[in-house]
Every structure is written in structure tokens, then in C-alpha cells.
Amino acid sequence: MNFSNITWLDEKGQIKPPIFLYLILVFLARGWCVFIASLTQFSDQAGLVKLFYPEKSDFILALISGIGAVMIYGLVISERKRSPIWIQPVFRHFISMMWLLLVLDAIILGQRLVHDYFIFKISYALDGLILFWSALYLANSKRLKYYAKDWHKEEVLETHSVPDEVSVDHGTDQSLASISPKISKRTAANAPSELEQLQAHDKDNKKRQ
């Protein structure tokens, strides 16, 4: 048994998302990172975008690919909260979604190379290296595969059963509340008859004396 895997778990016993998953998502959403950074450049916003994406079509494709990365990040947040429950079947397939985003990013990289007539640039080499490393990680990471299957259907059923138990307890309280006035009325109705019996018994004792 490999006890080193215990570091994958959080305080609730659930598998934590790998840090490399966040890094890959940031890489896939780098088009949005460039867009947000350009908003801080009041003097030349378009200049920063053209520095990374000389062609406008490449930048638009990068933004489209980045939307998928943001959606996967939303799935990770939902998994951490275990809510809403209808996302659970979608979350189990997020690795396949990441494969599609990597393929789309590779196509965008090829299109950028074509637009620059296959001129070597450090940025293109880094993008290709990170894409290759990301593909290897998705294919070989055991922790990522276990993490994708960690949100079980049994947990979804347990979340449904809790409100039912609460409703049963609430119904029991209501039934007890409805029964208690009836018991008190019966006790009050029987009380005068018991007093009359005691008084009659005292009168009989006096007559005998």
C-alpha cells in the first residue's frame, strides 16, 4: 500500500484537485489573461494583444478555447462544494473536455505558425512544449483520474435523503403537537369524575362512623 497518496486527501477525505490541473487551465485560458492584462494598459491596449496574437483571428480562437477552460474551472469549484448535484455526471468527463481543448489549442498554434510563415519564435516553442507536457500529464496522471471519479453517486443520494429525514421529524413533531391537546382534554374531562368518587367515599365513611 502506498501511503504517500494520503497527501491527495483533504480534511473531509476527498481527493484534492492537483496543482498541475490549475496550471493547465491557466495555460488554456491565457487568451483571457492577455485580454485582462490589456485592459490595464490605457495607452495601448491593442499593442499588448498584438504582441502575443498578431492576427485577430488567432486571438478570437484563443478566447473561444479559454471559455472551455473557464467552464472546467467552474466544474472544479462545484466539485469542491459538491453542489449543484446535476453537475456530477458532467464533472466525471472533464478530462475528455480538456483533451478537446488541447487539440483546439494545438490547431491554433499551427495556424499562428502558418501566419508567421513558420518563423521560429520562443513563444511558439514554449506553447508547443507546454502542450506536449500537458498531454503527457493527462495521459499518465493517476491522481487526476482518481479525482475525476471521486464525486460518487452515493453522495448525491445522501444529499437527497437528508431533507426527507428532516421532513419526517417535522411531521412527527406536528403529530405529537396535535395529540397532546387531546390528551390534556381527556385528563381534564376525567378529573371531575374522580373528585366526585372521592367525595362520595368520604360521605360513606362519615355515615358508618
Protein backbone atom coordinates (compact mmCIF):
# COMPACT_ATOMS: atom_id res chain seq x y z
CA MET A 1 0.00 0.00 0.00
CA ASN A 2 1.36 3.43 -0.98
CA PHE A 3 0.77 5.75 1.98
CA SER A 4 2.21 8.73 0.11
CA ASN A 5 -1.14 9.07 -1.68
CA ILE A 6 -2.70 10.22 1.61
CA THR A 7 -1.42 13.70 0.77
CA TRP A 8 -4.01 13.76 -2.03
CA LEU A 9 -6.85 13.92 0.52
CA ASP A 10 -8.29 16.93 2.30
CA GLU A 11 -9.78 17.09 5.80
CA LYS A 12 -13.05 15.59 4.50
CA GLY A 13 -11.32 12.58 2.95
CA GLN A 14 -11.92 13.85 -0.60
CA ILE A 15 -9.22 13.96 -3.28
CA LYS A 16 -7.90 17.48 -3.78
CA PRO A 17 -7.50 18.89 -7.31
CA PRO A 18 -3.86 18.60 -8.47
CA ILE A 19 -1.96 21.86 -8.71
CA PHE A 20 -0.95 20.96 -12.28
CA LEU A 21 -4.64 20.93 -13.21
CA TYR A 22 -4.87 24.61 -12.31
CA LEU A 23 -1.67 25.37 -14.24
CA ILE A 24 -3.01 23.67 -17.38
CA LEU A 25 -6.29 25.58 -17.10
CA VAL A 26 -4.40 28.88 -16.80
CA PHE A 27 -2.38 27.95 -19.88
CA LEU A 28 -5.51 27.12 -21.87
CA ALA A 29 -7.15 30.37 -20.75
CA ARG A 30 -4.08 32.52 -21.48
CA GLY A 31 -6.01 34.36 -24.19
CA TRP A 32 -8.29 35.75 -21.49
CA CYS A 33 -5.25 36.51 -19.32
CA VAL A 34 -3.81 38.59 -22.15
CA PHE A 35 -7.16 40.31 -22.66
CA ILE A 36 -7.48 41.20 -18.96
CA ALA A 37 -3.87 42.44 -18.90
CA SER A 38 -4.54 44.63 -21.94
CA LEU A 39 -7.37 46.36 -20.09
CA THR A 40 -4.81 47.74 -17.62
CA GLN A 41 -2.85 49.34 -20.48
CA PHE A 42 -4.78 52.56 -21.03
CA SER A 43 -2.26 53.93 -23.55
CA ASP A 44 -2.01 50.97 -25.96
CA GLN A 45 -4.45 48.14 -25.26
CA ALA A 46 -4.28 46.66 -28.76
CA GLY A 47 -0.49 46.66 -28.73
CA LEU A 48 -0.26 44.11 -25.92
CA VAL A 49 -2.72 41.81 -27.67
CA LYS A 50 -0.82 42.04 -30.98
CA LEU A 51 2.39 41.19 -29.16
CA PHE A 52 1.04 37.70 -28.38
CA TYR A 53 -1.55 37.36 -31.16
CA PRO A 54 -0.58 39.36 -34.26
CA GLU A 55 -3.60 38.01 -36.14
CA LYS A 56 -7.04 38.93 -34.82
CA SER A 57 -8.49 35.55 -35.80
CA ASP A 58 -5.91 33.76 -33.62
CA PHE A 59 -6.87 35.90 -30.65
CA ILE A 60 -10.57 35.17 -31.13
CA LEU A 61 -9.89 31.43 -31.29
CA ALA A 62 -7.79 31.70 -28.13
CA LEU A 63 -10.70 33.38 -26.36
CA ILE A 64 -13.06 30.61 -27.51
CA SER A 65 -10.67 27.96 -26.23
CA GLY A 66 -10.33 29.88 -22.98
CA ILE A 67 -14.10 29.75 -22.40
CA GLY A 68 -13.84 25.98 -22.18
CA ALA A 69 -11.06 26.26 -19.61
CA VAL A 70 -13.18 28.64 -17.51
CA MET A 71 -16.08 26.18 -17.66
CA ILE A 72 -13.85 23.34 -16.42
CA TYR A 73 -12.69 25.58 -13.59
CA GLY A 74 -16.34 26.07 -12.68
CA LEU A 75 -16.75 22.28 -12.59
CA VAL A 76 -13.83 22.04 -10.17
CA ILE A 77 -15.42 24.64 -7.89
CA SER A 78 -18.72 22.72 -7.97
CA GLU A 79 -16.90 19.50 -7.09
CA ARG A 80 -15.29 21.17 -4.09
CA LYS A 81 -18.73 22.27 -2.85
CA ARG A 82 -20.45 19.05 -4.00
CA SER A 83 -23.18 21.28 -5.40
CA PRO A 84 -25.23 21.53 -7.58
CA ILE A 85 -25.77 17.80 -7.85
CA TRP A 86 -26.76 17.79 -11.54
CA ILE A 87 -23.16 18.73 -12.47
CA GLN A 88 -21.81 15.43 -11.07
CA PRO A 89 -22.28 13.42 -14.34
CA VAL A 90 -20.67 16.27 -16.34
CA PHE A 91 -17.74 16.56 -13.95
CA ARG A 92 -16.75 12.92 -14.45
CA HIS A 93 -15.97 13.70 -18.13
CA PHE A 94 -13.90 16.86 -17.62
CA ILE A 95 -10.67 15.06 -18.67
CA SER A 96 -12.17 14.36 -22.11
CA MET A 97 -13.13 18.04 -22.32
CA MET A 98 -9.53 19.00 -21.54
CA TRP A 99 -8.29 16.73 -24.35
CA LEU A 100 -10.56 18.61 -26.78
CA LEU A 101 -9.22 21.93 -25.54
CA LEU A 102 -5.62 20.77 -26.00
CA VAL A 103 -6.37 19.69 -29.58
CA LEU A 104 -8.04 23.04 -30.26
CA ASP A 105 -5.06 24.87 -28.79
CA ALA A 106 -2.69 22.83 -30.97
CA ILE A 107 -4.72 23.82 -34.05
CA ILE A 108 -4.50 27.48 -33.01
CA LEU A 109 -0.73 27.11 -32.58
CA GLY A 110 -0.43 25.62 -36.06
CA GLN A 111 -2.49 28.48 -37.50
CA ARG A 112 -0.22 31.03 -35.80
CA LEU A 113 2.83 29.33 -37.31
CA VAL A 114 1.25 29.49 -40.76
CA HIS A 115 0.52 33.20 -40.36
CA ASP A 116 4.19 33.82 -39.42
CA TYR A 117 5.46 31.62 -42.28
CA PHE A 118 6.91 29.09 -39.80
CA ILE A 119 9.41 31.57 -38.41
CA PHE A 120 10.88 30.30 -35.16
CA LYS A 121 9.80 32.18 -32.03
CA ILE A 122 10.40 31.41 -28.38
CA SER A 123 6.69 31.85 -27.60
CA TYR A 124 5.71 29.21 -30.16
CA ALA A 125 8.35 26.80 -28.82
CA LEU A 126 7.11 27.29 -25.24
CA ASP A 127 3.49 26.79 -26.27
CA GLY A 128 4.37 23.56 -28.07
CA LEU A 129 6.42 22.31 -25.12
CA ILE A 130 3.64 23.04 -22.62
CA LEU A 131 1.07 21.39 -24.88
CA PHE A 132 3.22 18.27 -25.10
CA TRP A 133 3.77 18.19 -21.33
CA SER A 134 0.04 18.74 -20.67
CA ALA A 135 -0.86 15.83 -22.94
CA LEU A 136 1.59 13.57 -21.12
CA TYR A 137 0.14 14.64 -17.77
CA LEU A 138 -3.45 13.95 -18.81
CA ALA A 139 -2.47 10.55 -20.16
CA ASN A 140 -0.37 9.37 -17.19
CA SER A 141 -1.61 11.13 -14.05
CA LYS A 142 -3.27 8.61 -11.71
CA ARG A 143 -4.28 11.31 -9.26
CA LEU A 144 -6.18 13.23 -11.95
CA LYS A 145 -8.07 10.09 -12.98
CA TYR A 146 -8.96 9.26 -9.36
CA TYR A 147 -10.01 12.87 -8.83
CA ALA A 148 -12.40 12.73 -11.80
CA LYS A 149 -14.14 9.71 -10.20
CA ASP A 150 -14.13 10.98 -6.61
CA TRP A 151 -17.58 12.62 -6.75
CA HIS A 152 -19.72 9.49 -6.28
CA LYS A 153 -23.42 8.99 -6.92
CA GLU A 154 -23.86 7.75 -3.34
CA GLU A 155 -23.05 11.26 -2.10
CA VAL A 156 -25.77 12.65 -4.34
CA LEU A 157 -28.29 10.19 -2.88
CA GLU A 158 -27.27 11.13 0.66
CA THR A 159 -27.91 14.79 -0.03
CA HIS A 160 -31.43 13.87 -1.19
CA SER A 161 -32.14 11.71 1.86
CA VAL A 162 -31.34 14.43 4.41
CA PRO A 163 -34.38 16.63 3.62
CA ASP A 164 -36.63 13.54 3.81
CA GLU A 165 -35.39 12.74 7.30
CA VAL A 166 -35.95 16.33 8.33
CA SER A 167 -39.50 16.24 6.96
CA VAL A 168 -40.22 13.02 8.85
CA ASP A 169 -39.01 14.53 12.10
CA HIS A 170 -41.04 17.64 11.41
CA GLY A 171 -44.12 15.53 10.75
CA THR A 172 -43.56 13.61 14.00
CA ASP A 173 -43.38 16.86 15.92
CA GLN A 174 -46.63 18.01 14.35
CA SER A 175 -48.36 14.73 15.18
CA LEU A 176 -47.20 14.92 18.79
CA ALA A 177 -48.35 18.50 18.98
CA SER A 178 -51.79 17.50 17.69
CA ILE A 179 -52.07 14.57 20.11
CA SER A 180 -51.04 16.46 23.25
CA PRO A 181 -54.14 18.76 23.35
CA LYS A 182 -56.38 15.70 23.07
CA ILE A 183 -54.63 14.03 26.00
CA SER A 184 -54.96 17.17 28.12
CA LYS A 185 -58.66 17.42 27.28
CA ARG A 186 -59.26 13.83 28.28
CA THR A 187 -57.41 14.36 31.56
CA ALA A 188 -59.46 17.47 32.28
CA ALA A 189 -62.68 15.62 31.49
CA ASN A 190 -61.82 12.70 33.79
CA ALA A 191 -60.69 14.91 36.67
CA PRO A 192 -64.20 15.95 37.93
CA SER A 193 -65.44 12.33 37.98
CA GLU A 194 -62.50 11.27 40.16
CA LEU A 195 -63.25 14.10 42.63
CA GLU A 196 -66.90 13.05 42.88
CA GLN A 197 -65.86 9.50 43.67
CA LEU A 198 -63.58 10.70 46.47
CA GLN A 199 -66.33 12.88 47.96
CA ALA A 200 -68.83 10.03 47.89
CA HIS A 201 -66.31 7.77 49.59
CA ASP A 202 -65.80 10.34 52.39
CA LYS A 203 -69.58 10.60 52.94
CA ASP A 204 -69.87 6.82 53.31
CA ASN A 205 -67.09 6.80 55.90
CA LYS A 206 -68.84 9.52 57.93
CA LYS A 207 -72.17 7.64 57.89
CA ARG A 208 -70.53 4.47 59.17
CA GLN A 209 -68.90 6.39 62.00
